[in-house]
Amino acid sequence: MPHLVEMQKKYAEDGLVIITVDAERPGDKDGARRAVEFLQDANITLTNIAWDWADAATWEKKTEIAAYPQYLLYGRDGKRVFAGYEEKPVLERMVLEQLKK
């Protein structure tokens, strides 16, 4: 995740917004707390959303998430241009392509 923080700082003025989603399993009552502690301890300053597993089917259908971790990249027009997992250099190149549009 440090590479996401780095990209957010580097490209925020160009319009990049990174949001993380915490997807804890049902019944894991301490999962959200642990996620917040992890983000704070690692000094991760991105916007974080807690996934409500009661509505997991809707989230998965809308995002077409197939595995975790996964990146969803949306263009300025709000259309998804990438879903999957890539290493930092490839992800950053895709982000830059979208920021130029």
C-alpha atoms as a PDB file:
ATOM      1  CA  MET A   1       0.000   0.000   0.000  1.00  0.00           C
ATOM      2  CA  PRO A   2       2.836   2.472   0.385  1.00  0.00           C
ATOM      3  CA  HIS A   3       3.039   2.706  -3.408  1.00  0.00           C
ATOM      4  CA  LEU A   4      -0.616   3.804  -3.476  1.00  0.00           C
ATOM      5  CA  VAL A   5       0.074   6.555  -0.945  1.00  0.00           C
ATOM      6  CA  GLU A   6       3.079   7.617  -3.017  1.00  0.00           C
ATOM      7  CA  MET A   7       0.996   7.768  -6.215  1.00  0.00           C
ATOM      8  CA  GLN A   8      -1.791   9.701  -4.461  1.00  0.00           C
ATOM      9  CA  LYS A   9       0.678  12.336  -3.253  1.00  0.00           C
ATOM     10  CA  LYS A  10       2.456  12.487  -6.594  1.00  0.00           C
ATOM     11  CA  TYR A  11      -0.634  12.800  -8.807  1.00  0.00           C
ATOM     12  CA  ALA A  12      -3.330  14.343  -6.575  1.00  0.00           C
ATOM     13  CA  GLU A  13      -2.985  17.738  -8.269  1.00  0.00           C
ATOM     14  CA  ASP A  14      -3.592  15.990 -11.605  1.00  0.00           C
ATOM     15  CA  GLY A  15      -6.878  14.597 -10.313  1.00  0.00           C
ATOM     16  CA  LEU A  16      -5.930  11.158  -8.969  1.00  0.00           C
ATOM     17  CA  VAL A  17      -8.090   9.932  -6.106  1.00  0.00           C
ATOM     18  CA  ILE A  18      -7.307   6.597  -4.443  1.00  0.00           C
ATOM     19  CA  ILE A  19      -9.874   4.940  -2.214  1.00  0.00           C
ATOM     20  CA  THR A  20      -9.198   1.715  -0.350  1.00  0.00           C
ATOM     21  CA  VAL A  21     -11.927  -0.732   0.606  1.00  0.00           C
ATOM     22  CA  ASP A  22     -11.675  -2.890   3.711  1.00  0.00           C
ATOM     23  CA  ALA A  23     -13.378  -6.205   2.986  1.00  0.00           C
ATOM     24  CA  GLU A  24     -13.482  -8.207   6.199  1.00  0.00           C
ATOM     25  CA  ARG A  25     -15.235 -11.545   6.368  1.00  0.00           C
ATOM     26  CA  PRO A  26     -18.659 -11.939   8.012  1.00  0.00           C
ATOM     27  CA  GLY A  27     -18.419 -12.507  11.738  1.00  0.00           C
ATOM     28  CA  ASP A  28     -15.019 -10.826  12.044  1.00  0.00           C
ATOM     29  CA  LYS A  29     -16.149  -8.188  14.520  1.00  0.00           C
ATOM     30  CA  ASP A  30     -12.640  -6.867  15.089  1.00  0.00           C
ATOM     31  CA  GLY A  31     -11.702  -6.698  11.417  1.00  0.00           C
ATOM     32  CA  ALA A  32     -12.667  -3.062  10.883  1.00  0.00           C
ATOM     33  CA  ARG A  33     -10.809  -2.004  14.031  1.00  0.00           C
ATOM     34  CA  ARG A  34      -7.702  -3.910  12.951  1.00  0.00           C
ATOM     35  CA  ALA A  35      -7.893  -2.350   9.494  1.00  0.00           C
ATOM     36  CA  VAL A  36      -8.040   1.161  10.951  1.00  0.00           C
ATOM     37  CA  GLU A  37      -5.125   0.391  13.275  1.00  0.00           C
ATOM     38  CA  PHE A  38      -3.111  -0.978  10.340  1.00  0.00           C
ATOM     39  CA  LEU A  39      -3.773   2.135   8.258  1.00  0.00           C
ATOM     40  CA  GLN A  40      -2.840   4.419  11.155  1.00  0.00           C
ATOM     41  CA  ASP A  41       0.282   2.461  12.103  1.00  0.00           C
ATOM     42  CA  ALA A  42       1.454   2.437   8.484  1.00  0.00           C
ATOM     43  CA  ASN A  43       0.621   6.160   8.130  1.00  0.00           C
ATOM     44  CA  ILE A  44      -1.689   5.394   5.207  1.00  0.00           C
ATOM     45  CA  THR A  45      -3.681   8.560   4.625  1.00  0.00           C
ATOM     46  CA  LEU A  46      -5.958   7.399   1.809  1.00  0.00           C
ATOM     47  CA  THR A  47      -9.735   7.438   2.037  1.00  0.00           C
ATOM     48  CA  ASN A  48     -10.850   4.036   3.333  1.00  0.00           C
ATOM     49  CA  ILE A  49     -14.307   2.523   3.013  1.00  0.00           C
ATOM     50  CA  ALA A  50     -15.469  -0.429   5.112  1.00  0.00           C
ATOM     51  CA  TRP A  51     -17.261  -3.023   2.993  1.00  0.00           C
ATOM     52  CA  ASP A  52     -20.591  -4.139   4.477  1.00  0.00           C
ATOM     53  CA  TRP A  53     -20.654  -7.887   3.934  1.00  0.00           C
ATOM     54  CA  ALA A  54     -24.418  -7.901   4.401  1.00  0.00           C
ATOM     55  CA  ASP A  55     -24.460  -6.331   0.945  1.00  0.00           C
ATOM     56  CA  ALA A  56     -21.454  -8.205  -0.489  1.00  0.00           C
ATOM     57  CA  ALA A  57     -23.353  -9.680  -3.414  1.00  0.00           C
ATOM     58  CA  THR A  58     -24.349  -6.209  -4.622  1.00  0.00           C
ATOM     59  CA  TRP A  59     -20.777  -4.881  -4.282  1.00  0.00           C
ATOM     60  CA  GLU A  60     -19.298  -7.861  -6.098  1.00  0.00           C
ATOM     61  CA  LYS A  61     -21.853  -7.632  -8.886  1.00  0.00           C
ATOM     62  CA  LYS A  62     -21.318  -3.886  -9.398  1.00  0.00           C
ATOM     63  CA  THR A  63     -17.528  -4.030  -9.263  1.00  0.00           C
ATOM     64  CA  GLU A  64     -17.089  -7.504 -10.787  1.00  0.00           C
ATOM     65  CA  ILE A  65     -14.409  -8.212  -8.191  1.00  0.00           C
ATOM     66  CA  ALA A  66     -12.981 -11.668  -8.786  1.00  0.00           C
ATOM     67  CA  ALA A  67     -10.122 -11.813  -6.265  1.00  0.00           C
ATOM     68  CA  TYR A  68      -8.375  -9.821  -3.565  1.00  0.00           C
ATOM     69  CA  PRO A  69      -6.383  -7.601  -3.625  1.00  0.00           C
ATOM     70  CA  GLN A  70      -7.674  -5.929  -6.739  1.00  0.00           C
ATOM     71  CA  TYR A  71      -7.395  -2.504  -8.311  1.00  0.00           C
ATOM     72  CA  LEU A  72     -10.297  -0.852 -10.070  1.00  0.00           C
ATOM     73  CA  LEU A  73      -9.214   2.062 -12.238  1.00  0.00           C
ATOM     74  CA  TYR A  74     -11.783   4.524 -13.527  1.00  0.00           C
ATOM     75  CA  GLY A  75     -11.241   7.236 -16.095  1.00  0.00           C
ATOM     76  CA  ARG A  76     -12.326  10.846 -15.701  1.00  0.00           C
ATOM     77  CA  ASP A  77     -15.600   9.925 -17.402  1.00  0.00           C
ATOM     78  CA  GLY A  78     -16.413   7.463 -14.605  1.00  0.00           C
ATOM     79  CA  LYS A  79     -16.019   4.396 -16.799  1.00  0.00           C
ATOM     80  CA  ARG A  80     -13.876   1.547 -15.558  1.00  0.00           C
ATOM     81  CA  VAL A  81     -10.747   1.068 -17.625  1.00  0.00           C
ATOM     82  CA  PHE A  82      -9.057  -1.663 -15.599  1.00  0.00           C
ATOM     83  CA  ALA A  83      -9.890  -4.331 -13.037  1.00  0.00           C
ATOM     84  CA  GLY A  84      -7.247  -6.674 -11.711  1.00  0.00           C
ATOM     85  CA  TYR A  85      -3.891  -6.646 -10.006  1.00  0.00           C
ATOM     86  CA  GLU A  86      -0.696  -5.197 -11.401  1.00  0.00           C
ATOM     87  CA  GLU A  87       2.687  -4.359  -9.942  1.00  0.00           C
ATOM     88  CA  LYS A  88       3.488  -0.709  -9.269  1.00  0.00           C
ATOM     89  CA  PRO A  89       5.228   0.189 -12.577  1.00  0.00           C
ATOM     90  CA  VAL A  90       2.373  -1.148 -14.703  1.00  0.00           C
ATOM     91  CA  LEU A  91      -0.318   0.336 -12.457  1.00  0.00           C
ATOM     92  CA  GLU A  92       1.393   3.724 -12.444  1.00  0.00           C
ATOM     93  CA  ARG A  93       1.702   3.681 -16.228  1.00  0.00           C
ATOM     94  CA  MET A  94      -2.043   2.982 -16.539  1.00  0.00           C
ATOM     95  CA  VAL A  95      -2.825   5.795 -14.095  1.00  0.00           C
ATOM     96  CA  LEU A  96      -0.663   8.228 -16.050  1.00  0.00           C
ATOM     97  CA  GLU A  97      -2.406   7.292 -19.306  1.00  0.00           C
ATOM     98  CA  GLN A  98      -5.765   8.113 -17.723  1.00  0.00           C
ATOM     99  CA  LEU A  99      -4.575  11.366 -16.138  1.00  0.00           C
ATOM    100  CA  LYS A 100      -3.452  12.623 -19.551  1.00  0.00           C
ATOM    101  CA  LYS A 101      -6.986  12.329 -20.920  1.00  0.00           C
END
